[in-house]
Protein backbone atom coordinates (compact mmCIF):
# COMPACT_ATOMS: atom_id res chain seq x y z
CA MET A 1 25.97 -0.61 -48.91
CA GLU A 2 26.06 -4.34 -46.64
CA PRO A 3 26.59 -7.68 -48.49
CA LYS A 4 23.56 -9.46 -48.94
CA GLN A 5 23.52 -12.65 -46.36
CA ILE A 6 22.61 -15.72 -47.25
CA ILE A 7 22.05 -19.08 -45.04
CA LEU A 8 22.77 -21.98 -46.33
CA LEU A 9 21.59 -25.53 -44.78
CA GLU A 10 24.44 -28.25 -46.45
CA ASP A 11 25.72 -31.14 -43.85
CA GLU A 12 28.22 -32.25 -46.76
CA LEU A 13 31.33 -30.21 -45.14
CA ILE A 14 33.05 -29.53 -48.22
CA ILE A 15 29.78 -29.03 -51.09
CA ALA A 16 29.14 -26.61 -48.29
CA ARG A 17 32.42 -25.15 -48.09
CA HIS A 18 32.61 -24.39 -52.05
CA ILE A 19 29.05 -22.71 -51.80
CA GLN A 20 30.18 -20.93 -48.94
CA LEU A 21 33.44 -19.67 -50.52
CA LEU A 22 31.67 -19.20 -53.77
CA LEU A 23 29.11 -16.35 -52.82
CA GLU A 24 31.37 -14.58 -50.86
CA LYS A 25 33.80 -14.03 -53.35
CA ASN A 26 30.71 -12.73 -55.01
CA GLY A 27 29.76 -10.70 -52.54
CA TYR A 28 27.29 -11.73 -50.09
CA GLN A 29 27.53 -13.02 -46.21
CA VAL A 30 27.09 -17.24 -45.68
CA LEU A 31 25.73 -17.98 -42.76
CA ARG A 32 26.03 -22.05 -42.65
CA SER A 33 24.16 -24.75 -41.14
CA ASP A 34 24.10 -28.73 -40.79
CA THR A 35 20.88 -29.00 -38.64
CA VAL A 36 17.75 -27.92 -39.65
CA GLU A 37 17.35 -26.23 -35.88
CA LYS A 38 20.56 -24.02 -36.46
CA CYS A 39 19.05 -23.07 -39.31
CA ILE A 40 15.66 -21.69 -38.30
CA THR A 41 17.51 -20.24 -35.24
CA LEU A 42 19.49 -18.50 -37.84
CA VAL A 43 16.45 -17.38 -39.76
CA LYS A 44 15.08 -16.10 -36.80
CA GLU A 45 18.02 -14.13 -35.36
CA ASN A 46 18.71 -12.13 -38.85
CA LYS A 47 17.27 -10.73 -41.62
CA PRO A 48 18.68 -12.90 -44.88
CA SER A 49 18.10 -12.39 -48.36
CA LEU A 50 17.72 -15.37 -49.05
CA VAL A 51 17.60 -19.11 -47.51
CA LEU A 52 19.73 -22.03 -49.50
CA LEU A 53 18.17 -25.39 -48.97
CA ASP A 54 19.47 -29.00 -49.25
CA ILE A 55 16.57 -31.25 -48.96
CA ASN A 56 18.32 -34.25 -48.25
CA LEU A 57 19.94 -34.14 -44.69
CA LYS A 58 21.00 -36.95 -42.41
CA HIS A 59 17.67 -37.73 -41.43
CA GLY A 60 15.95 -37.98 -44.40
CA PHE A 61 13.91 -34.59 -46.44
CA GLU A 62 14.41 -32.76 -43.63
CA GLY A 63 14.84 -29.29 -45.78
CA ILE A 64 11.63 -28.92 -46.42
CA GLU A 65 10.52 -28.75 -42.95
CA VAL A 66 13.07 -25.99 -43.47
CA GLY A 67 10.71 -24.81 -46.66
CA ASN A 68 7.42 -25.47 -44.80
CA PHE A 69 8.97 -23.07 -41.77
CA LEU A 70 9.65 -20.14 -44.33
CA LEU A 71 6.39 -20.63 -46.21
CA LYS A 72 4.76 -19.54 -42.87
CA TYR A 73 7.28 -17.47 -42.11
CA ASP A 74 7.07 -15.89 -45.32
CA GLN A 75 9.76 -13.35 -44.70
CA VAL A 76 12.32 -14.70 -46.71
CA PRO A 77 12.97 -16.24 -50.15
CA TYR A 78 14.19 -19.75 -50.35
CA VAL A 79 15.87 -21.85 -53.16
CA TYR A 80 16.05 -25.91 -53.11
CA LEU A 81 19.49 -27.55 -53.38
CA THR A 82 19.41 -31.21 -53.80
CA SER A 83 20.19 -34.61 -56.13
CA TYR A 84 16.84 -35.69 -56.57
CA ALA A 85 14.08 -34.74 -59.91
CA ASP A 86 12.20 -37.23 -59.57
CA SER A 87 8.15 -36.37 -59.80
CA ARG A 88 7.81 -37.32 -55.91
CA THR A 89 10.59 -35.07 -54.76
CA LEU A 90 9.07 -32.13 -56.64
CA GLU A 91 5.73 -32.90 -55.69
CA LYS A 92 6.85 -31.80 -52.21
CA VAL A 93 8.72 -29.21 -53.10
CA LYS A 94 6.31 -27.36 -55.38
CA ARG A 95 3.38 -27.51 -52.22
CA THR A 96 5.91 -25.45 -50.41
CA ARG A 97 6.27 -22.63 -53.23
CA PRO A 98 10.02 -21.95 -53.05
CA MET A 99 11.98 -19.63 -55.30
CA GLY A 100 13.83 -21.78 -57.39
CA TYR A 101 15.49 -25.45 -57.69
CA ILE A 102 18.70 -26.89 -58.19
CA VAL A 103 20.08 -29.72 -58.86
CA LYS A 104 23.46 -31.50 -57.88
CA PRO A 105 25.51 -31.86 -59.83
CA PHE A 106 25.62 -28.28 -60.07
CA LYS A 107 27.91 -25.14 -61.69
CA GLY A 108 28.95 -22.34 -59.76
CA ASP A 109 27.13 -20.19 -62.76
CA ASP A 110 23.61 -21.90 -61.47
CA ILE A 111 24.18 -21.02 -57.92
CA LEU A 112 24.76 -17.21 -58.71
CA THR A 113 21.65 -17.15 -61.33
CA THR A 114 19.80 -18.30 -59.57
CA VAL A 115 20.26 -16.68 -55.72
CA ALA A 116 20.47 -13.36 -57.92
CA ILE A 117 16.71 -14.08 -59.79
CA ALA A 118 15.53 -15.19 -56.52
CA ILE A 119 16.42 -12.56 -54.68
CA ASN A 120 15.09 -9.80 -57.10
CA ASN A 121 12.01 -11.44 -57.60
CA TYR A 122 11.18 -11.80 -53.19
CA ASN A 123 12.04 -7.91 -53.51
CA PHE A 124 9.69 -7.20 -56.38
CA LYS A 125 6.60 -9.14 -55.61
CA GLY A 126 4.87 -6.39 -53.56
CA ILE A 127 5.34 -3.97 -56.05
CA ASP A 128 1.75 -2.33 -56.21
CA VAL A 129 -0.41 -2.74 -59.17
CA SER A 130 0.09 0.71 -60.61
CA ARG A 131 3.28 -0.34 -60.95
CA ARG A 132 2.78 -3.30 -62.44
CA LYS A 133 4.02 -2.73 -66.41
CA GLU A 134 7.20 -1.42 -65.16
CA THR A 135 7.60 -4.60 -62.97
CA ASP A 136 7.21 -6.80 -65.77
CA ASN A 137 9.70 -5.13 -67.88
CA PHE A 138 12.65 -4.88 -64.90
CA SER A 139 11.43 -8.94 -64.06
CA GLU A 140 12.83 -9.73 -67.57
CA ALA A 141 16.34 -8.64 -66.73
CA PRO A 142 17.61 -11.40 -65.35
CA PHE A 143 16.34 -13.69 -67.70
CA LYS A 144 18.09 -11.95 -70.30
CA ILE A 145 21.46 -11.85 -67.80
CA LYS A 146 21.12 -15.54 -67.82
CA LYS A 147 21.28 -15.97 -71.43
CA ALA A 148 24.16 -13.62 -71.44
CA ILE A 149 26.06 -16.13 -69.12
CA ARG A 150 25.28 -19.53 -70.57
CA PHE A 151 26.54 -17.27 -73.78
CA ILE A 152 29.78 -17.00 -71.70
CA GLN A 153 29.70 -20.32 -70.21
CA GLU A 154 29.87 -22.28 -73.67
CA ASN A 155 32.00 -20.17 -76.04
CA ILE A 156 34.55 -18.82 -73.22
CA GLU A 157 37.68 -20.19 -75.67
CA LEU A 158 36.30 -18.17 -78.18
CA PRO A 159 36.45 -13.69 -78.01
CA ILE A 160 33.73 -12.32 -76.19
CA THR A 161 33.18 -8.64 -75.73
CA VAL A 162 31.09 -6.58 -73.73
CA GLU A 163 29.22 -5.02 -77.37
CA GLY A 164 28.24 -8.68 -78.40
CA LEU A 165 27.24 -9.84 -74.84
CA ALA A 166 24.58 -6.69 -74.53
CA ASN A 167 23.64 -7.41 -78.39
CA LEU A 168 22.27 -10.87 -76.76
CA THR A 169 19.97 -9.26 -74.69
CA GLY A 170 19.02 -6.15 -76.50
CA TRP A 171 20.19 -3.44 -73.98
CA ASP A 172 22.82 -0.91 -75.11
CA ARG A 173 25.99 -1.24 -73.48
CA THR A 174 25.80 1.24 -70.51
CA HIS A 175 22.08 -0.25 -70.43
CA PHE A 176 23.88 -3.98 -70.35
CA THR A 177 26.88 -3.19 -67.90
CA ARG A 178 24.88 -1.47 -65.11
CA ASN A 179 22.04 -4.75 -65.06
CA PHE A 180 24.81 -7.41 -65.08
CA LYS A 181 26.90 -5.99 -62.06
CA LYS A 182 23.17 -4.81 -60.10
CA TYR A 183 22.37 -8.60 -60.40
CA MET A 184 25.80 -10.75 -61.05
CA ASN A 185 27.69 -8.05 -58.60
CA VAL A 186 30.87 -7.51 -61.22
CA SER A 187 31.01 -6.29 -64.02
CA PRO A 188 30.49 -8.05 -67.50
CA TYR A 189 34.40 -7.88 -68.11
CA GLN A 190 35.44 -9.01 -65.34
CA TYR A 191 33.46 -11.63 -65.10
CA VAL A 192 34.25 -13.39 -68.77
CA LEU A 193 37.82 -12.94 -67.17
CA ARG A 194 36.96 -14.76 -63.68
CA THR A 195 34.93 -17.53 -66.14
CA LYS A 196 38.38 -17.77 -68.07
CA ILE A 197 40.31 -18.57 -65.13
CA GLU A 198 38.08 -20.66 -63.11
CA THR A 199 38.32 -22.89 -67.20
CA ALA A 200 42.19 -22.57 -66.78
CA LYS A 201 41.79 -24.29 -63.14
CA GLU A 202 39.30 -27.02 -65.01
CA LEU A 203 41.49 -27.66 -67.27
CA LEU A 204 45.22 -27.58 -65.00
CA ARG A 205 43.09 -30.38 -62.65
CA ASN A 206 42.20 -32.48 -65.45
CA ASP A 207 45.07 -32.77 -67.42
CA LYS A 208 48.09 -32.21 -65.29
CA ASP A 209 50.43 -32.58 -68.20
CA VAL A 210 49.17 -29.83 -69.96
CA ALA A 211 51.03 -26.88 -70.84
CA ILE A 212 49.99 -23.18 -68.92
CA THR A 213 51.20 -21.81 -72.08
CA ASP A 214 48.53 -23.74 -74.32
CA ILE A 215 46.31 -23.03 -71.55
CA SER A 216 46.94 -19.12 -71.96
CA CYS A 217 46.80 -19.47 -75.34
CA LYS A 218 43.55 -21.46 -75.69
CA LEU A 219 41.34 -19.18 -73.96
CA GLY A 220 42.49 -16.35 -75.53
CA PHE A 221 44.98 -14.30 -73.67
CA SER A 222 46.49 -11.97 -75.51
CA SER A 223 49.66 -12.68 -73.76
CA HIS A 224 51.07 -15.76 -71.02
CA SER A 225 51.97 -12.68 -68.27
CA ASN A 226 48.18 -11.41 -69.05
CA PHE A 227 47.08 -14.83 -68.27
CA THR A 228 49.68 -15.63 -65.39
CA ASN A 229 49.05 -11.94 -63.67
CA ALA A 230 45.24 -12.55 -63.79
CA PHE A 231 45.14 -16.20 -62.20
CA LEU A 232 47.26 -14.86 -59.54
CA LYS A 233 44.69 -11.98 -59.12
CA PHE A 234 41.75 -14.22 -58.41
CA ASN A 235 43.66 -16.82 -56.94
CA ASP A 236 46.45 -15.80 -54.97
CA VAL A 237 48.74 -18.55 -56.63
CA THR A 238 50.17 -18.47 -59.71
CA ALA A 239 48.84 -21.37 -61.98
CA GLU A 240 52.12 -23.22 -61.97
CA ASP A 241 51.87 -23.38 -57.60
CA TYR A 242 48.13 -24.38 -58.02
CA ARG A 243 49.33 -27.37 -60.35
CA LYS A 244 51.58 -28.55 -57.78
CA MET A 245 48.83 -28.34 -55.16
CA VAL A 246 46.51 -30.68 -57.16
CA ARG A 247 49.62 -32.99 -57.66
CA ILE A 248 49.68 -33.33 -54.14
CA GLY A 249 46.00 -32.97 -53.70
CA ARG A 250 45.54 -30.64 -51.83
CA ALA A 251 43.20 -27.95 -54.62
CA ILE A 252 39.71 -28.81 -54.38
CA ASN A 253 38.56 -26.25 -55.90
């Protein structure tokens, strides 16, 4: 199966690179643009699953121009990224009927869950009336997944089991695991592990003196070697080397 393609309109290089790496790490293909013209050209030349639009580019609310184009084009869903959440901006945005709206600063999971839900909702918007009941039931799935994700984020230092996450959704373990992987492109176990590692990186960035053994213990790893191997697998560097990169200013994410 080919990876879902996402076009990203973002003119802040560091943010654009961060989003690109996040999405690519989760199985998406990303095409980047920093201008309205290039973004529209990429949309016409490709068949993206989604377009992510920063509203405010160098010359104002240019992202909304692309939103208006995509509304008329009517072949691809789109989600806005913005630092603005005021009523005036929201009114402009609503008129273009996007599939989502992400306010900066955002967490990585805000991007991933919104992208997954937007693509799913768009793909199922045209199902015929005879299947409406099935569609309505299916549409609840991403929101149940998001509930499990929120629990993971808020309780990452506690023991988290797949059974416990499944109970939050009302599904059995098998059904939960299948749906979770469908929307997040990764198993629940791998998602929890990745979130623990991302939390470890945040701790290393914010407290340069914290002991790495303390981090592995705090995040519930069964042993320090287990934590070390997991960190290396996800980042291609050890936790100790990552800390060195932080200290010299090389680690961005």
